[in-house]
Amino acid sequence: MIEAIIAIKSPEWINKLTEKYYAHIRVLSCIPFAAGGVKDLIEISAPETSLKEAVEELKSSNKFQDVDVAQTGKTRALASISTNRCSMCQTLAGSESFLINASTKKNRIYWTLLTSRKKPLKKIMKILELNGFEVEIIKMAMIKGRKELTGRQEEIIRIALDKGYFDCPKKTSIRELSRMFGISKSTLSEVLRLGQKKIIKSYFKG
């Protein structure tokens, strides 16, 4: 099997949620819907103080035919969104590749795909480009065993990185991050340490 990571310029509604509410979007599933439409199951992760507003923004969007949201935690929600106007999702739903992960960062959505051949991947790239999307291959390699971050670790480390926690000098503090996530400093520090340990181990094994 081939694992590929491709970066695509994010749709406007995703950019709005990530920039305005510090939300992190993951596409968990993508299936055909009605005639040429798609239904996506997404996970929204955002600071406790802004999750409710991000959900309301999603519900009020006129880009979707139907939006069904269930909050699953203080900083997480699941949403089922149906649309017949997302050519990016339609491309994925009609491909021969499996979507393993899809997450957002800095106006890009990163798809991690599994495919048995290079041909389906090339087809996805071509169709996306024909539909006007900016797309590039970040990685393509034979799949190997690996130890992944948990969803919570990935969410916290990603936002900490975006907010400048790992910069020198730091642009944000552990206190500010703990307030953002609504957890104690000690809990946040433990999540960061465990996540960084996995990343470092994975790097040296690679």
N, C-alpha and C. Protein backbone atom coordinates (compact mmCIF):
# COMPACT_ATOMS: atom_id res chain seq x y z
N MET A 1 0.84 -1.20 0.00
CA MET A 1 0.00 0.00 0.00
C MET A 1 0.87 1.25 0.00
N ILE A 2 0.36 2.29 -0.66
CA ILE A 2 1.06 3.57 -0.71
C ILE A 2 0.34 4.57 0.18
N GLU A 3 1.09 5.24 1.01
CA GLU A 3 0.54 6.33 1.83
C GLU A 3 0.98 7.65 1.19
N ALA A 4 0.01 8.53 1.00
CA ALA A 4 0.32 9.83 0.41
C ALA A 4 -0.34 10.93 1.24
N ILE A 5 0.35 12.03 1.40
CA ILE A 5 -0.21 13.22 2.04
C ILE A 5 -0.22 14.33 1.00
N ILE A 6 -1.40 14.87 0.72
CA ILE A 6 -1.50 15.99 -0.22
C ILE A 6 -2.10 17.19 0.48
N ALA A 7 -1.63 18.37 0.10
CA ALA A 7 -2.11 19.62 0.68
C ALA A 7 -2.97 20.35 -0.34
N ILE A 8 -4.14 20.78 0.08
CA ILE A 8 -5.09 21.47 -0.79
C ILE A 8 -5.49 22.77 -0.12
N LYS A 9 -5.62 23.82 -0.90
CA LYS A 9 -6.08 25.07 -0.33
C LYS A 9 -7.47 24.88 0.25
N SER A 10 -7.65 25.23 1.51
CA SER A 10 -8.90 24.95 2.22
C SER A 10 -10.06 25.75 1.67
N PRO A 11 -11.28 25.17 1.71
CA PRO A 11 -12.47 25.93 1.36
C PRO A 11 -12.64 27.12 2.31
N GLU A 12 -13.36 28.12 1.86
CA GLU A 12 -13.52 29.36 2.63
C GLU A 12 -14.12 29.11 4.01
N TRP A 13 -15.11 28.19 4.11
CA TRP A 13 -15.78 27.98 5.39
C TRP A 13 -14.83 27.38 6.42
N ILE A 14 -13.89 26.54 5.98
CA ILE A 14 -12.91 25.98 6.90
C ILE A 14 -11.94 27.06 7.37
N ASN A 15 -11.47 27.89 6.44
CA ASN A 15 -10.56 28.98 6.80
C ASN A 15 -11.19 29.90 7.84
N LYS A 16 -12.49 30.16 7.67
CA LYS A 16 -13.19 31.06 8.59
C LYS A 16 -13.23 30.49 10.00
N LEU A 17 -13.51 29.19 10.11
CA LEU A 17 -13.57 28.55 11.43
C LEU A 17 -12.20 28.49 12.09
N THR A 18 -11.17 28.17 11.31
CA THR A 18 -9.83 28.04 11.89
C THR A 18 -9.25 29.39 12.30
N GLU A 19 -9.48 30.43 11.49
CA GLU A 19 -8.90 31.73 11.78
C GLU A 19 -9.67 32.51 12.84
N LYS A 20 -10.99 32.42 12.79
CA LYS A 20 -11.83 33.21 13.69
C LYS A 20 -12.00 32.56 15.06
N TYR A 21 -12.04 31.23 15.10
CA TYR A 21 -12.33 30.54 16.36
C TYR A 21 -11.21 29.60 16.80
N TYR A 22 -10.06 29.62 16.13
CA TYR A 22 -8.94 28.73 16.45
C TYR A 22 -9.38 27.26 16.42
N ALA A 23 -10.28 26.95 15.49
CA ALA A 23 -10.80 25.58 15.39
C ALA A 23 -9.87 24.71 14.55
N HIS A 24 -9.91 23.43 14.84
CA HIS A 24 -9.17 22.44 14.05
C HIS A 24 -10.20 21.46 13.50
N ILE A 25 -10.20 21.27 12.18
CA ILE A 25 -11.20 20.45 11.52
C ILE A 25 -10.57 19.14 11.03
N ARG A 26 -11.23 18.03 11.35
CA ARG A 26 -10.81 16.72 10.81
C ARG A 26 -12.00 16.09 10.09
N VAL A 27 -11.76 15.62 8.87
CA VAL A 27 -12.79 14.91 8.12
C VAL A 27 -12.66 13.43 8.46
N LEU A 28 -13.69 12.88 9.09
CA LEU A 28 -13.64 11.49 9.53
C LEU A 28 -14.18 10.53 8.48
N SER A 29 -15.14 11.00 7.68
CA SER A 29 -15.73 10.15 6.65
C SER A 29 -16.34 11.02 5.57
N CYS A 30 -16.39 10.48 4.36
CA CYS A 30 -16.94 11.21 3.21
C CYS A 30 -17.67 10.20 2.33
N ILE A 31 -18.99 10.37 2.19
CA ILE A 31 -19.78 9.41 1.41
C ILE A 31 -20.66 10.15 0.41
N PRO A 32 -21.04 9.49 -0.70
CA PRO A 32 -21.92 10.13 -1.69
C PRO A 32 -23.27 10.48 -1.07
N PHE A 33 -23.87 11.58 -1.58
CA PHE A 33 -25.15 12.04 -1.05
C PHE A 33 -25.99 12.59 -2.20
N ALA A 34 -27.20 12.04 -2.36
CA ALA A 34 -28.12 12.48 -3.41
C ALA A 34 -27.45 12.40 -4.77
N ALA A 35 -27.83 13.28 -5.69
CA ALA A 35 -27.29 13.25 -7.06
C ALA A 35 -26.05 14.13 -7.14
N GLY A 36 -24.89 13.50 -7.04
CA GLY A 36 -23.64 14.25 -7.17
C GLY A 36 -23.21 14.98 -5.92
N GLY A 37 -23.92 14.81 -4.82
CA GLY A 37 -23.55 15.48 -3.58
C GLY A 37 -22.72 14.59 -2.68
N VAL A 38 -22.29 15.14 -1.55
CA VAL A 38 -21.52 14.37 -0.57
C VAL A 38 -21.99 14.71 0.83
N LYS A 39 -21.78 13.75 1.72
CA LYS A 39 -22.05 13.97 3.14
C LYS A 39 -20.75 13.70 3.89
N ASP A 40 -20.30 14.70 4.66
CA ASP A 40 -19.06 14.58 5.42
C ASP A 40 -19.36 14.47 6.91
N LEU A 41 -18.62 13.61 7.58
CA LEU A 41 -18.62 13.58 9.04
C LEU A 41 -17.33 14.24 9.48
N ILE A 42 -17.44 15.35 10.20
CA ILE A 42 -16.25 16.08 10.61
C ILE A 42 -16.19 16.21 12.12
N GLU A 43 -14.98 16.36 12.63
CA GLU A 43 -14.77 16.64 14.04
C GLU A 43 -14.24 18.06 14.17
N ILE A 44 -14.87 18.84 15.01
CA ILE A 44 -14.45 20.21 15.26
C ILE A 44 -13.83 20.28 16.65
N SER A 45 -12.57 20.70 16.72
CA SER A 45 -11.90 20.91 18.00
C SER A 45 -11.58 22.39 18.11
N ALA A 46 -11.97 22.99 19.24
CA ALA A 46 -11.73 24.42 19.44
C ALA A 46 -11.67 24.69 20.93
N PRO A 47 -11.04 25.79 21.33
CA PRO A 47 -11.04 26.15 22.74
C PRO A 47 -12.47 26.22 23.29
N GLU A 48 -12.63 25.88 24.55
CA GLU A 48 -13.97 25.85 25.15
C GLU A 48 -14.70 27.17 24.99
N THR A 49 -13.95 28.26 25.02
CA THR A 49 -14.56 29.59 24.94
C THR A 49 -15.10 29.93 23.55
N SER A 50 -14.67 29.21 22.52
CA SER A 50 -15.11 29.56 21.17
C SER A 50 -15.80 28.42 20.41
N LEU A 51 -15.87 27.22 21.01
CA LEU A 51 -16.47 26.08 20.31
C LEU A 51 -17.93 26.35 19.95
N LYS A 52 -18.72 26.88 20.90
CA LYS A 52 -20.14 27.12 20.65
C LYS A 52 -20.34 28.08 19.49
N GLU A 53 -19.52 29.14 19.43
CA GLU A 53 -19.63 30.12 18.34
C GLU A 53 -19.24 29.50 17.00
N ALA A 54 -18.22 28.64 17.01
CA ALA A 54 -17.80 27.98 15.77
C ALA A 54 -18.92 27.08 15.24
N VAL A 55 -19.59 26.37 16.15
CA VAL A 55 -20.70 25.49 15.76
C VAL A 55 -21.85 26.31 15.18
N GLU A 56 -22.18 27.43 15.83
CA GLU A 56 -23.26 28.28 15.33
C GLU A 56 -22.93 28.86 13.96
N GLU A 57 -21.65 29.18 13.75
CA GLU A 57 -21.20 29.69 12.44
C GLU A 57 -21.42 28.62 11.37
N LEU A 58 -21.10 27.38 11.71
CA LEU A 58 -21.27 26.28 10.76
C LEU A 58 -22.75 26.07 10.44
N LYS A 59 -23.60 26.10 11.47
CA LYS A 59 -25.03 25.87 11.29
C LYS A 59 -25.68 26.95 10.43
N SER A 60 -25.19 28.18 10.56
CA SER A 60 -25.81 29.30 9.85
C SER A 60 -25.29 29.46 8.42
N SER A 61 -24.30 28.67 8.02
CA SER A 61 -23.74 28.79 6.68
C SER A 61 -24.76 28.39 5.62
N ASN A 62 -24.76 29.12 4.52
CA ASN A 62 -25.68 28.80 3.42
C ASN A 62 -25.02 27.88 2.38
N LYS A 63 -23.85 27.35 2.72
CA LYS A 63 -23.12 26.48 1.79
C LYS A 63 -23.56 25.02 1.88
N PHE A 64 -24.36 24.69 2.91
CA PHE A 64 -24.73 23.30 3.13
C PHE A 64 -26.25 23.13 3.08
N GLN A 65 -26.66 21.95 2.63
CA GLN A 65 -28.08 21.63 2.61
C GLN A 65 -28.58 21.21 3.99
N ASP A 66 -27.71 20.55 4.74
CA ASP A 66 -28.10 20.08 6.06
C ASP A 66 -26.88 20.01 6.96
N VAL A 67 -27.04 20.45 8.21
CA VAL A 67 -25.97 20.38 9.20
C VAL A 67 -26.54 19.83 10.50
N ASP A 68 -25.95 18.76 11.00
CA ASP A 68 -26.39 18.14 12.26
C ASP A 68 -25.17 18.05 13.17
N VAL A 69 -25.23 18.71 14.32
CA VAL A 69 -24.07 18.81 15.20
C VAL A 69 -24.38 18.23 16.57
N ALA A 70 -23.42 17.50 17.14
CA ALA A 70 -23.52 16.98 18.50
C ALA A 70 -22.22 17.30 19.23
N GLN A 71 -22.30 18.05 20.32
CA GLN A 71 -21.11 18.36 21.10
C GLN A 71 -20.73 17.14 21.92
N THR A 72 -19.48 16.70 21.79
CA THR A 72 -19.04 15.48 22.46
C THR A 72 -18.11 15.76 23.64
N GLY A 73 -17.80 17.01 23.89
CA GLY A 73 -16.93 17.39 24.99
C GLY A 73 -16.85 18.89 25.09
N LYS A 74 -16.10 19.38 26.05
CA LYS A 74 -15.99 20.82 26.24
C LYS A 74 -15.32 21.51 25.05
N THR A 75 -14.44 20.79 24.37
CA THR A 75 -13.69 21.40 23.26
C THR A 75 -13.87 20.65 21.94
N ARG A 76 -14.87 19.73 21.87
CA ARG A 76 -15.04 18.92 20.67
C ARG A 76 -16.50 18.79 20.28
N ALA A 77 -16.73 18.67 18.99
CA ALA A 77 -18.07 18.41 18.48
C ALA A 77 -17.96 17.60 17.19
N LEU A 78 -18.98 16.79 16.94
CA LEU A 78 -19.09 16.06 15.68
C LEU A 78 -20.19 16.70 14.85
N ALA A 79 -19.95 16.79 13.55
CA ALA A 79 -20.94 17.40 12.67
C ALA A 79 -21.08 16.59 11.39
N SER A 80 -22.31 16.39 10.98
CA SER A 80 -22.62 15.78 9.69
C SER A 80 -23.09 16.90 8.77
N ILE A 81 -22.37 17.12 7.67
CA ILE A 81 -22.73 18.20 6.75
C ILE A 81 -22.98 17.64 5.37
N SER A 82 -24.07 18.06 4.76
CA SER A 82 -24.45 17.57 3.43
C SER A 82 -24.44 18.72 2.44
N THR A 83 -23.86 18.47 1.27
CA THR A 83 -23.79 19.51 0.24
C THR A 83 -23.71 18.87 -1.14
N ASN A 84 -24.15 19.60 -2.13
CA ASN A 84 -23.99 19.12 -3.51
C ASN A 84 -23.09 20.06 -4.30
N ARG A 85 -22.31 20.90 -3.54
CA ARG A 85 -21.49 21.89 -4.21
C ARG A 85 -20.00 21.78 -3.87
N CYS A 86 -19.58 20.71 -3.23
CA CYS A 86 -18.17 20.58 -2.85
C CYS A 86 -17.46 19.64 -3.83
N SER A 87 -16.82 20.21 -4.84
CA SER A 87 -16.14 19.39 -5.84
C SER A 87 -14.93 18.67 -5.24
N MET A 88 -14.34 19.24 -4.19
CA MET A 88 -13.21 18.59 -3.54
C MET A 88 -13.65 17.29 -2.89
N CYS A 89 -14.78 17.33 -2.16
CA CYS A 89 -15.29 16.13 -1.50
C CYS A 89 -15.81 15.12 -2.52
N GLN A 90 -16.42 15.62 -3.60
CA GLN A 90 -16.90 14.72 -4.65
C GLN A 90 -15.76 13.96 -5.30
N THR A 91 -14.64 14.64 -5.47
CA THR A 91 -13.45 14.00 -6.04
C THR A 91 -12.99 12.85 -5.16
N LEU A 92 -12.96 13.08 -3.85
CA LEU A 92 -12.53 12.06 -2.92
C LEU A 92 -13.51 10.89 -2.88
N ALA A 93 -14.82 11.21 -2.83
CA ALA A 93 -15.85 10.16 -2.73
C ALA A 93 -15.83 9.26 -3.96
N GLY A 94 -15.41 9.78 -5.12
CA GLY A 94 -15.41 9.00 -6.35
C GLY A 94 -14.07 8.37 -6.67
N SER A 95 -13.12 8.46 -5.76
CA SER A 95 -11.78 7.92 -6.03
C SER A 95 -11.65 6.49 -5.54
N GLU A 96 -10.51 5.86 -5.86
CA GLU A 96 -10.22 4.51 -5.40
C GLU A 96 -9.30 4.52 -4.19
N SER A 97 -9.18 5.68 -3.56
CA SER A 97 -8.29 5.83 -2.41
C SER A 97 -9.09 5.87 -1.11
N PHE A 98 -8.42 5.50 -0.02
CA PHE A 98 -9.04 5.53 1.30
C PHE A 98 -8.53 6.76 2.05
N LEU A 99 -9.45 7.54 2.60
CA LEU A 99 -9.07 8.71 3.40
C LEU A 99 -8.80 8.25 4.83
N ILE A 100 -7.56 8.38 5.28
CA ILE A 100 -7.17 7.97 6.62
C ILE A 100 -7.28 9.14 7.59
N ASN A 101 -6.95 10.32 7.12
CA ASN A 101 -7.01 11.51 7.97
C ASN A 101 -7.12 12.74 7.09
N ALA A 102 -7.81 13.73 7.58
CA ALA A 102 -7.87 15.02 6.89
C ALA A 102 -7.93 16.09 7.97
N SER A 103 -6.95 16.97 7.99
CA SER A 103 -6.91 17.99 9.02
C SER A 103 -6.43 19.31 8.42
N THR A 104 -6.70 20.39 9.15
CA THR A 104 -6.42 21.73 8.63
C THR A 104 -5.23 22.38 9.34
N LYS A 105 -4.52 23.21 8.58
CA LYS A 105 -3.43 23.99 9.14
C LYS A 105 -3.08 25.10 8.16
N LYS A 106 -3.15 26.35 8.64
CA LYS A 106 -2.73 27.52 7.86
C LYS A 106 -3.30 27.54 6.44
N ASN A 107 -4.62 27.57 6.36
CA ASN A 107 -5.33 27.69 5.07
C ASN A 107 -5.11 26.51 4.13
N ARG A 108 -4.70 25.38 4.67
CA ARG A 108 -4.55 24.18 3.87
C ARG A 108 -5.26 23.02 4.57
N ILE A 109 -5.83 22.12 3.78
CA ILE A 109 -6.36 20.89 4.33
C ILE A 109 -5.45 19.76 3.85
N TYR A 110 -5.00 18.95 4.78
CA TYR A 110 -4.04 17.89 4.47
C TYR A 110 -4.77 16.55 4.49
N TRP A 111 -4.79 15.90 3.33
CA TRP A 111 -5.37 14.57 3.21
C TRP A 111 -4.28 13.52 3.32
N THR A 112 -4.49 12.55 4.21
CA THR A 112 -3.63 11.37 4.25
C THR A 112 -4.41 10.24 3.60
N LEU A 113 -3.90 9.74 2.49
CA LEU A 113 -4.61 8.75 1.69
C LEU A 113 -3.84 7.44 1.62
N LEU A 114 -4.58 6.35 1.53
CA LEU A 114 -3.99 5.04 1.26
C LEU A 114 -4.51 4.55 -0.08
N THR A 115 -3.62 4.08 -0.92
CA THR A 115 -4.01 3.57 -2.23
C THR A 115 -3.07 2.44 -2.63
N SER A 116 -3.55 1.54 -3.43
CA SER A 116 -2.71 0.41 -3.84
C SER A 116 -1.82 0.75 -5.02
N ARG A 117 -2.20 1.82 -5.76
CA ARG A 117 -1.44 2.20 -6.95
C ARG A 117 -1.30 3.72 -7.02
N LYS A 118 -0.37 4.19 -7.83
CA LYS A 118 -0.17 5.63 -7.99
C LYS A 118 -1.23 6.25 -8.90
N LYS A 119 -1.83 5.45 -9.78
CA LYS A 119 -2.77 5.97 -10.76
C LYS A 119 -3.97 6.69 -10.12
N PRO A 120 -4.64 6.11 -9.10
CA PRO A 120 -5.76 6.82 -8.47
C PRO A 120 -5.35 8.15 -7.86
N LEU A 121 -4.14 8.20 -7.31
CA LEU A 121 -3.64 9.44 -6.71
C LEU A 121 -3.44 10.51 -7.78
N LYS A 122 -2.86 10.11 -8.91
CA LYS A 122 -2.66 11.06 -10.01
C LYS A 122 -4.00 11.58 -10.52
N LYS A 123 -5.01 10.70 -10.54
CA LYS A 123 -6.34 11.10 -10.99
C LYS A 123 -6.94 12.14 -10.05
N ILE A 124 -6.80 11.93 -8.75
CA ILE A 124 -7.30 12.89 -7.77
C ILE A 124 -6.64 14.25 -7.97
N MET A 125 -5.32 14.25 -8.12
CA MET A 125 -4.58 15.50 -8.32
C MET A 125 -5.07 16.23 -9.57
N LYS A 126 -5.25 15.49 -10.65
CA LYS A 126 -5.66 16.10 -11.92
C LYS A 126 -7.05 16.72 -11.82
N ILE A 127 -8.00 15.98 -11.22
CA ILE A 127 -9.36 16.49 -11.10
C ILE A 127 -9.42 17.73 -10.21
N LEU A 128 -8.69 17.70 -9.11
CA LEU A 128 -8.66 18.86 -8.21
C LEU A 128 -8.11 20.09 -8.94
N GLU A 129 -7.03 19.90 -9.68
CA GLU A 129 -6.43 21.02 -10.42
C GLU A 129 -7.38 21.56 -11.49
N LEU A 130 -8.11 20.65 -12.18
CA LEU A 130 -9.07 21.08 -13.19
C LEU A 130 -10.22 21.88 -12.58
N ASN A 131 -10.51 21.61 -11.30
CA ASN A 131 -11.56 22.33 -10.60
C ASN A 131 -11.05 23.59 -9.91
N GLY A 132 -9.80 23.95 -10.19
CA GLY A 132 -9.26 25.22 -9.70
C GLY A 132 -8.62 25.18 -8.32
N PHE A 133 -8.37 23.98 -7.78
CA PHE A 133 -7.75 23.89 -6.45
C PHE A 133 -6.23 23.92 -6.55
N GLU A 134 -5.61 24.61 -5.59
CA GLU A 134 -4.15 24.55 -5.46
C GLU A 134 -3.81 23.30 -4.67
N VAL A 135 -3.05 22.39 -5.26
CA VAL A 135 -2.78 21.12 -4.61
C VAL A 135 -1.33 20.70 -4.85
N GLU A 136 -0.74 20.06 -3.85
CA GLU A 136 0.63 19.56 -3.99
C GLU A 136 0.81 18.30 -3.14
N ILE A 137 1.71 17.43 -3.59
CA ILE A 137 2.03 16.23 -2.83
C ILE A 137 3.09 16.57 -1.79
N ILE A 138 2.79 16.29 -0.54
CA ILE A 138 3.74 16.54 0.55
C ILE A 138 4.61 15.31 0.80
N LYS A 139 3.99 14.13 0.67
CA LYS A 139 4.71 12.89 0.97
C LYS A 139 4.06 11.75 0.21
N MET A 140 4.88 10.83 -0.26
CA MET A 140 4.37 9.60 -0.86
C MET A 140 5.37 8.50 -0.58
N ALA A 141 4.92 7.45 0.12
CA ALA A 141 5.85 6.38 0.50
C ALA A 141 5.08 5.11 0.78
N MET A 142 5.79 3.98 0.75
CA MET A 142 5.19 2.72 1.14
C MET A 142 4.86 2.79 2.63
N ILE A 143 3.71 2.26 3.01
CA ILE A 143 3.27 2.38 4.40
C ILE A 143 4.18 1.56 5.31
N LYS A 144 4.46 2.13 6.48
CA LYS A 144 5.28 1.48 7.49
C LYS A 144 4.59 1.61 8.83
N GLY A 145 4.96 0.76 9.77
CA GLY A 145 4.38 0.85 11.10
C GLY A 145 4.79 2.14 11.77
N ARG A 146 3.89 2.73 12.59
CA ARG A 146 4.22 3.97 13.27
C ARG A 146 3.36 4.12 14.51
N LYS A 147 3.78 4.95 15.40
CA LYS A 147 3.06 5.21 16.63
C LYS A 147 2.47 6.61 16.54
N GLU A 148 1.14 6.70 16.42
CA GLU A 148 0.49 7.98 16.17
C GLU A 148 0.21 8.73 17.46
N LEU A 149 0.07 10.05 17.33
CA LEU A 149 -0.43 10.86 18.43
C LEU A 149 -1.92 10.59 18.60
N THR A 150 -2.40 10.74 19.83
CA THR A 150 -3.85 10.69 20.02
C THR A 150 -4.45 11.97 19.44
N GLY A 151 -5.75 11.95 19.19
CA GLY A 151 -6.41 13.15 18.67
C GLY A 151 -6.23 14.34 19.57
N ARG A 152 -6.30 14.12 20.89
CA ARG A 152 -6.16 15.21 21.87
C ARG A 152 -4.75 15.78 21.84
N GLN A 153 -3.72 14.90 21.80
CA GLN A 153 -2.34 15.36 21.75
C GLN A 153 -2.09 16.17 20.49
N GLU A 154 -2.59 15.66 19.35
CA GLU A 154 -2.40 16.36 18.08
C GLU A 154 -3.04 17.73 18.11
N GLU A 155 -4.26 17.81 18.64
CA GLU A 155 -4.99 19.08 18.71
C GLU A 155 -4.23 20.12 19.53
N ILE A 156 -3.78 19.73 20.72
CA ILE A 156 -3.11 20.67 21.63
C ILE A 156 -1.75 21.09 21.08
N ILE A 157 -0.97 20.13 20.57
CA ILE A 157 0.35 20.46 20.05
C ILE A 157 0.24 21.34 18.82
N ARG A 158 -0.75 21.06 17.95
CA ARG A 158 -0.93 21.86 16.74
C ARG A 158 -1.26 23.33 17.08
N ILE A 159 -2.19 23.52 18.02
CA ILE A 159 -2.57 24.90 18.39
C ILE A 159 -1.43 25.58 19.14
N ALA A 160 -0.73 24.82 20.00
CA ALA A 160 0.43 25.40 20.70
C ALA A 160 1.49 25.87 19.70
N LEU A 161 1.69 25.08 18.64
CA LEU A 161 2.64 25.46 17.59
C LEU A 161 2.18 26.72 16.86
N ASP A 162 0.89 26.74 16.49
CA ASP A 162 0.34 27.89 15.77
C ASP A 162 0.39 29.17 16.61
N LYS A 163 0.21 29.01 17.93
CA LYS A 163 0.20 30.19 18.82
C LYS A 163 1.60 30.62 19.23
N GLY A 164 2.64 29.89 18.81
CA GLY A 164 4.01 30.30 19.10
C GLY A 164 4.58 29.81 20.41
N TYR A 165 3.99 28.74 20.97
CA TYR A 165 4.49 28.23 22.25
C TYR A 165 5.90 27.66 22.12
N PHE A 166 6.21 27.09 20.95
CA PHE A 166 7.52 26.46 20.75
C PHE A 166 8.55 27.43 20.15
N ASP A 167 8.14 28.69 19.93
CA ASP A 167 9.07 29.68 19.41
C ASP A 167 10.07 30.11 20.49
N CYS A 168 11.14 30.73 20.07
CA CYS A 168 12.13 31.24 21.01
C CYS A 168 12.42 32.71 20.67
N PRO A 169 11.94 33.65 21.49
CA PRO A 169 11.19 33.46 22.75
C PRO A 169 9.75 33.05 22.49
N LYS A 170 9.12 32.47 23.51
CA LYS A 170 7.75 32.01 23.38
C LYS A 170 6.80 33.19 23.14
N LYS A 171 5.80 32.96 22.26
CA LYS A 171 4.80 33.98 21.99
C LYS A 171 3.54 33.79 22.83
N THR A 172 3.46 32.65 23.50
CA THR A 172 2.35 32.38 24.41
C THR A 172 2.86 31.52 25.54
N SER A 173 2.15 31.49 26.64
CA SER A 173 2.60 30.74 27.81
C SER A 173 1.72 29.53 28.07
N ILE A 174 2.20 28.64 28.94
CA ILE A 174 1.42 27.46 29.31
C ILE A 174 0.14 27.88 30.01
N ARG A 175 0.19 29.00 30.74
CA ARG A 175 -1.00 29.51 31.44
C ARG A 175 -2.07 29.95 30.43
N GLU A 176 -1.64 30.66 29.40
CA GLU A 176 -2.59 31.13 28.38
C GLU A 176 -3.20 29.97 27.62
N LEU A 177 -2.38 28.96 27.30
CA LEU A 177 -2.89 27.79 26.59
C LEU A 177 -3.86 27.00 27.46
N SER A 178 -3.56 26.86 28.74
CA SER A 178 -4.45 26.10 29.63
C SER A 178 -5.80 26.80 29.75
N ARG A 179 -5.80 28.13 29.77
CA ARG A 179 -7.07 28.86 29.80
C ARG A 179 -7.84 28.65 28.50
N MET A 180 -7.14 28.62 27.38
CA MET A 180 -7.77 28.43 26.08
C MET A 180 -8.48 27.08 26.00
N PHE A 181 -7.84 26.03 26.55
CA PHE A 181 -8.41 24.69 26.47
C PHE A 181 -9.29 24.35 27.67
N GLY A 182 -9.30 25.21 28.67
CA GLY A 182 -10.14 24.97 29.84
C GLY A 182 -9.65 23.81 30.70
N ILE A 183 -8.31 23.61 30.76
CA ILE A 183 -7.74 22.55 31.59
C ILE A 183 -6.63 23.14 32.45
N SER A 184 -6.17 22.38 33.45
CA SER A 184 -5.13 22.88 34.34
C SER A 184 -3.77 22.92 33.64
N LYS A 185 -2.87 23.73 34.18
CA LYS A 185 -1.52 23.83 33.60
C LYS A 185 -0.80 22.49 33.68
N SER A 186 -0.99 21.77 34.79
CA SER A 186 -0.30 20.48 34.94
C SER A 186 -0.80 19.46 33.92
N THR A 187 -2.12 19.44 33.66
CA THR A 187 -2.67 18.52 32.67
C THR A 187 -2.17 18.85 31.28
N LEU A 188 -2.17 20.14 30.95
CA LEU A 188 -1.70 20.57 29.63
C LEU A 188 -0.22 20.24 29.46
N SER A 189 0.57 20.48 30.49
CA SER A 189 2.00 20.19 30.44
C SER A 189 2.26 18.71 30.19
N GLU A 190 1.45 17.85 30.83
CA GLU A 190 1.60 16.40 30.65
C GLU A 190 1.26 15.98 29.22
N VAL A 191 0.17 16.54 28.67
CA VAL A 191 -0.22 16.23 27.29
C VAL A 191 0.88 16.65 26.33
N LEU A 192 1.46 17.82 26.53
CA LEU A 192 2.53 18.32 25.67
C LEU A 192 3.76 17.42 25.75
N ARG A 193 4.14 17.03 26.97
CA ARG A 193 5.33 16.19 27.15
C ARG A 193 5.16 14.83 26.47
N LEU A 194 4.00 14.19 26.69
CA LEU A 194 3.77 12.87 26.10
C LEU A 194 3.73 12.95 24.57
N GLY A 195 3.09 14.01 24.05
CA GLY A 195 3.02 14.19 22.60
C GLY A 195 4.38 14.41 21.99
N GLN A 196 5.19 15.27 22.63
CA GLN A 196 6.53 15.55 22.12
C GLN A 196 7.41 14.30 22.17
N LYS A 197 7.23 13.47 23.20
CA LYS A 197 8.01 12.23 23.32
C LYS A 197 7.72 11.32 22.13
N LYS A 198 6.43 11.18 21.76
CA LYS A 198 6.07 10.34 20.62
C LYS A 198 6.67 10.88 19.32
N ILE A 199 6.61 12.22 19.16
CA ILE A 199 7.15 12.83 17.94
C ILE A 199 8.65 12.60 17.84
N ILE A 200 9.37 12.77 18.95
CA ILE A 200 10.83 12.59 18.95
C ILE A 200 11.19 11.13 18.68
N LYS A 201 10.45 10.19 19.32
CA LYS A 201 10.72 8.77 19.07
C LYS A 201 10.50 8.41 17.61
N SER A 202 9.40 8.92 17.04
CA SER A 202 9.09 8.64 15.64
C SER A 202 10.17 9.20 14.73
N TYR A 203 10.70 10.38 15.06
CA TYR A 203 11.74 11.02 14.24
C TYR A 203 13.01 10.16 14.21
N PHE A 204 13.46 9.72 15.39
CA PHE A 204 14.71 8.97 15.45
C PHE A 204 14.57 7.56 14.89
N LYS A 205 13.37 6.98 15.01
CA LYS A 205 13.15 5.66 14.40
C LYS A 205 13.17 5.78 12.88
N GLY A 206 12.63 6.93 12.37
CA GLY A 206 12.61 7.16 10.92
C GLY A 206 13.99 7.38 10.37
